[in-house]
Structures are given as C-alpha cells and as structure tokens.
Protein backbone atom coordinates (compact mmCIF):
# COMPACT_ATOMS: atom_id res chain seq x y z
CA UNK A 1 -16.33 -18.97 21.17
CA UNK A 2 -15.07 -22.51 21.69
CA UNK A 3 -14.66 -22.86 17.94
CA UNK A 4 -12.26 -19.90 17.99
CA UNK A 5 -9.77 -22.01 19.94
CA UNK A 6 -9.83 -24.46 17.05
CA UNK A 7 -9.79 -21.86 14.30
CA UNK A 8 -7.14 -19.51 15.66
CA UNK A 9 -4.09 -21.78 15.04
CA UNK A 10 -5.40 -22.46 11.52
CA UNK A 11 -5.78 -18.74 10.80
CA UNK A 12 -2.31 -17.68 11.95
CA UNK A 13 -0.57 -18.85 8.73
CA UNK A 14 -3.20 -16.90 6.78
CA UNK A 15 -2.51 -13.80 8.87
CA UNK A 16 1.18 -14.23 8.11
CA UNK A 17 0.44 -14.35 4.36
CA UNK A 18 -1.74 -11.26 4.72
CA UNK A 19 1.08 -9.39 6.44
CA UNK A 20 3.57 -10.53 3.78
CA UNK A 21 1.27 -9.26 1.03
CA UNK A 22 0.96 -5.94 2.83
CA UNK A 23 4.72 -5.60 3.27
CA UNK A 24 5.35 -6.64 -0.34
CA UNK A 25 2.86 -4.11 -1.66
CA UNK A 26 4.52 -1.37 0.39
CA UNK A 27 8.07 -2.49 -0.39
CA UNK A 28 7.58 -2.19 -4.13
CA UNK A 29 4.70 0.27 -4.28
CA UNK A 30 6.15 3.07 -2.14
CA UNK A 31 9.35 3.61 -4.18
CA UNK A 32 7.31 3.59 -7.38
CA UNK A 33 4.92 6.05 -5.74
CA UNK A 34 7.84 8.40 -5.05
CA UNK A 35 8.96 8.14 -8.68
CA UNK A 36 5.44 8.88 -9.93
CA UNK A 37 5.15 11.84 -7.55
CA UNK A 38 8.43 13.31 -8.81
CA UNK A 39 7.42 12.72 -12.43
CA UNK A 40 3.98 14.28 -12.03
CA UNK A 41 5.51 17.41 -10.47
CA UNK A 42 8.28 17.74 -13.05
CA UNK A 43 8.49 20.49 -15.65
CA UNK A 44 8.97 17.95 -18.46
CA UNK A 45 5.49 17.97 -19.91
CA UNK A 46 5.59 14.60 -21.67
CA UNK A 47 6.81 12.77 -18.56
CA UNK A 48 4.37 14.68 -16.38
CA UNK A 49 1.30 13.71 -18.40
CA UNK A 50 2.49 10.10 -18.73
CA UNK A 51 2.86 9.94 -14.94
CA UNK A 52 -0.57 11.48 -14.41
CA UNK A 53 -2.10 8.93 -16.80
CA UNK A 54 -0.55 6.03 -14.86
CA UNK A 55 -1.70 7.46 -11.53
CA UNK A 56 -5.26 8.06 -12.67
CA UNK A 57 -5.42 4.61 -14.24
CA UNK A 58 -4.24 3.00 -11.02
CA UNK A 59 -6.60 5.05 -8.86
CA UNK A 60 -9.58 4.64 -11.15
CA UNK A 61 -9.37 0.88 -11.74
CA UNK A 62 -10.86 -1.36 -9.01
CA UNK A 63 -8.23 -3.39 -7.20
CA UNK A 64 -9.96 -6.65 -8.02
CA UNK A 65 -9.78 -5.93 -11.75
CA UNK A 66 -6.06 -5.10 -11.45
CA UNK A 67 -5.59 -8.40 -9.62
CA UNK A 68 -7.43 -10.35 -12.32
CA UNK A 69 -5.50 -8.59 -15.08
CA UNK A 70 -2.19 -9.54 -13.51
CA UNK A 71 -3.14 -13.12 -12.66
CA UNK A 72 -5.25 -14.04 -15.68
CA UNK A 73 -4.22 -11.43 -18.25
CA UNK A 74 -0.44 -11.61 -18.14
CA UNK A 75 -0.32 -15.35 -19.01
CA UNK A 76 -1.93 -14.44 -22.35
CA UNK A 77 1.10 -12.19 -22.94
CA UNK A 78 3.46 -15.03 -22.06
CA UNK A 79 4.10 -14.13 -18.41
CA UNK A 80 2.67 -16.45 -15.77
CA UNK A 81 2.99 -15.52 -12.10
CA UNK A 82 2.30 -17.54 -8.97
CA UNK A 83 -0.76 -16.48 -7.01
CA UNK A 84 1.18 -14.73 -4.22
CA UNK A 85 3.48 -13.00 -6.70
CA UNK A 86 0.54 -11.85 -8.82
CA UNK A 87 -1.23 -10.47 -5.75
CA UNK A 88 1.94 -8.63 -4.70
CA UNK A 89 2.36 -7.09 -8.17
CA UNK A 90 -1.27 -5.97 -8.28
CA UNK A 91 -1.16 -4.50 -4.78
CA UNK A 92 2.14 -2.75 -5.55
CA UNK A 93 0.68 -1.09 -8.64
CA UNK A 94 -2.38 0.13 -6.75
CA UNK A 95 -0.19 1.27 -3.86
CA UNK A 96 2.07 3.28 -6.16
CA UNK A 97 -0.89 5.07 -7.73
CA UNK A 98 -2.49 6.08 -4.44
CA UNK A 99 0.68 6.90 -2.52
CA UNK A 100 2.02 9.01 -5.39
CA UNK A 101 -0.65 11.57 -4.52
CA UNK A 102 0.43 11.46 -0.87
CA UNK A 103 4.07 11.94 -1.84
CA UNK A 104 3.14 14.70 -4.31
CA UNK A 105 1.33 16.57 -1.54
CA UNK A 106 4.42 16.20 0.63
CA UNK A 107 6.68 17.55 -2.12
CA UNK A 108 4.40 20.53 -2.69
CA UNK A 109 4.30 21.22 1.07
CA UNK A 110 8.07 21.79 1.26
CA UNK A 111 8.55 25.58 1.45
CA UNK A 112 9.72 27.20 -1.76
CA UNK A 113 12.41 28.99 0.22
CA UNK A 114 14.12 25.66 0.85
CA UNK A 115 14.40 25.06 -2.89
CA UNK A 116 15.67 28.59 -3.53
CA UNK A 117 18.28 28.19 -0.81
CA UNK A 118 19.42 24.91 -2.37
CA UNK A 119 19.88 26.57 -5.75
CA UNK A 120 21.74 29.46 -4.12
CA UNK A 121 24.17 26.93 -2.68
CA UNK A 122 24.75 25.54 -6.16
CA UNK A 123 23.07 22.18 -5.66
CA UNK A 124 22.05 20.34 -8.80
CA UNK A 125 18.33 19.54 -9.21
CA UNK A 126 19.00 15.90 -8.29
CA UNK A 127 20.91 16.80 -5.12
CA UNK A 128 18.25 19.37 -4.24
CA UNK A 129 15.60 16.68 -4.49
CA UNK A 130 17.61 14.00 -2.69
CA UNK A 131 19.18 16.05 0.10
CA UNK A 132 16.67 18.82 0.76
CA UNK A 133 13.20 18.21 -0.62
CA UNK A 134 12.65 14.46 -0.17
CA UNK A 135 13.76 14.23 3.50
CA UNK A 136 11.36 17.01 4.46
CA UNK A 137 8.54 15.60 2.34
CA UNK A 138 8.93 12.13 3.84
CA UNK A 139 8.54 13.47 7.37
CA UNK A 140 5.31 15.17 6.31
CA UNK A 141 3.77 12.11 4.68
CA UNK A 142 4.51 9.45 7.31
CA UNK A 143 1.10 9.68 9.10
CA UNK A 144 -1.01 9.43 5.90
CA UNK A 145 1.22 6.61 4.66
CA UNK A 146 0.51 4.65 7.83
CA UNK A 147 -3.19 5.26 7.22
CA UNK A 148 -2.87 3.95 3.69
CA UNK A 149 -0.93 0.90 4.92
CA UNK A 150 -3.94 0.01 7.07
CA UNK A 151 -6.22 0.23 4.02
CA UNK A 152 -3.78 -1.91 2.04
CA UNK A 153 -3.66 -4.49 4.83
CA UNK A 154 -7.43 -4.81 4.72
CA UNK A 155 -7.40 -4.80 0.92
CA UNK A 156 -5.21 -7.89 0.78
CA UNK A 157 -8.43 -9.85 1.33
CA UNK A 158 -9.01 -9.40 -2.42
CA UNK A 159 -6.30 -12.02 -2.96
CA UNK A 160 -8.89 -14.57 -1.83
CA UNK A 161 -10.31 -14.23 -5.37
CA UNK A 162 -7.25 -15.96 -6.86
CA UNK A 163 -6.96 -18.57 -4.09
CA UNK A 164 -4.07 -17.01 -2.18
CA UNK A 165 -4.15 -18.69 1.28
CA UNK A 166 -4.44 -15.43 3.21
CA UNK A 167 -6.58 -14.77 6.28
CA UNK A 168 -9.99 -14.48 4.59
CA UNK A 169 -9.30 -17.59 2.51
CA UNK A 170 -8.45 -19.57 5.63
CA UNK A 171 -11.62 -18.34 7.35
CA UNK A 172 -13.82 -19.21 4.39
CA UNK A 173 -12.29 -22.68 4.08
CA UNK A 174 -12.79 -23.32 7.79
CA UNK A 175 -16.41 -22.18 7.48
CA UNK A 176 -17.03 -24.40 4.46
CA UNK A 177 -15.70 -27.46 6.32
CA UNK A 178 -17.43 -26.88 9.66
CA UNK A 179 -20.41 -24.83 8.39
CA UNK A 180 -19.62 -22.32 11.15
CA UNK A 181 -19.21 -19.42 8.75
CA UNK A 182 -20.31 -16.82 11.29
CA UNK A 183 -17.79 -17.88 13.90
CA UNK A 184 -14.93 -18.27 11.40
CA UNK A 185 -15.52 -14.94 9.68
CA UNK A 186 -16.04 -13.14 12.99
CA UNK A 187 -12.67 -14.36 14.24
CA UNK A 188 -10.99 -13.35 10.97
CA UNK A 189 -12.62 -9.91 11.24
CA UNK A 190 -11.37 -9.57 14.80
CA UNK A 191 -7.84 -10.46 13.72
CA UNK A 192 -8.01 -7.86 10.94
CA UNK A 193 -9.34 -5.30 13.42
CA UNK A 194 -6.65 -5.91 16.06
CA UNK A 195 -3.84 -5.26 13.59
CA UNK A 196 -5.68 -2.31 12.00
CA UNK A 197 -6.44 -0.63 15.33
CA UNK A 198 -2.85 -1.12 16.49
CA UNK A 199 -1.61 0.56 13.32
CA UNK A 200 -4.20 3.33 13.74
CA UNK A 201 -2.85 3.99 17.22
CA UNK A 202 0.66 4.16 15.78
CA UNK A 203 -0.52 6.62 13.13
CA UNK A 204 -2.10 8.83 15.81
CA UNK A 205 1.07 8.74 17.86
CA UNK A 206 3.30 9.69 14.92
CA UNK A 207 0.90 12.49 13.94
CA UNK A 208 1.00 13.91 17.47
CA UNK A 209 4.79 13.70 17.50
CA UNK A 210 4.94 15.47 14.13
CA UNK A 211 2.72 18.27 15.42
CA UNK A 212 4.77 18.58 18.61
CA UNK A 213 8.04 18.76 16.69
CA UNK A 214 6.70 21.61 14.58
C-alpha cells in the first residue's frame, strides 16, 4: 500500500485524460447516435438501410480495430491524427453506433397518440420530432445512457494501445519502472472502480426518479 502513495499523484493526470476521452466520445458520439436513430426509424428506405449498415458496422467491429483503423489507417488516406484525437474519433464512432439503438428504443417508446396529436395541431414532421418526440425520448433513455457512459469510461483503456497517456498507460509505465505491476494495476483498477461505481449509483438514482415521476 505504501507504493500507492507514490503512484497516486502520477496516475491523476492519466485519470484526467481518461475522463477527457470519455467526455469527448460522448460529446461527439451522442449527437451522431441521435441522427442515426432518427435515420434508422425513417420511412425513407435508402437512408434507413444506410443508417442500419453504419450502426451494425459500428456495433460489430471490435473497438480496438476501430481505434487502429483511425490511428494507423487514416494516414494512408492522407489524414494523420494525434493519438488523443484518434482515440476520441474512434470512441465517438463506437458510441454513436451503440447509443443509436438506445435512442431508437426511446423514440419507439413515445406513445403513438403523441405523434397523432402533433399532426392534428399541424406541426411539421421536423417540429413534431424536435418539440414532442425527442424531449420525451430523451427522458426515457437517460438511465441506459449513463450505463453506457460507464462502459465507455472503462473502454478508454483501449487507447493504451496507441500510447495515449491515460490511466492504464500510466499504471503500466509505473509498473515497468518499479516492477510493482500488481500494486500499480490494482490502484488503477481501484480508480476505475470508484468512478464507475459512483456513476452506477447516479444511474440507479435517475432510474428511481424516472419511475417515481411516472
């Protein structure tokens, strides 16, 4: 445990990078997930099947392969990204694919009567979606989105593969210098767990509030 006192200050910058990767993946991935959800539920067949193809590709491809494709593959197409940027892009793509299904479930869960009432009031399809359907769908999907955010937070450890100085990378480097791999990785695991369990508690609280409000 004494080594934890030495490791902890070294790991804090890595935890900060991990949190930034998580926030970046959510910041860009969630809006794209909404777009994909709307596209996959649209009546325009071509757009619908294109959206489904993107979603299934994102869900079916391992995150590490997506990360490698962005970091090592894009330079061959003339686009080179920094390690943190590449990790954010890869995480955002994966996030959009998975959360699109969450958003789609939320859209489908909005009662059909709400849509019919919107049309009766003369709302355009865009206003119906923006003013009536989306606000209700977002309230429904908040708990599962928090759950996914926890998974994404833990998944940022994949960025270690392209030398992003996140939490796991810091722990591994500390272990390689001191040869105390067990202690370093245990502390990193504890730091992951503290944040994850805190977010899990938040998810449980929001779910209970949602149930109470209904």
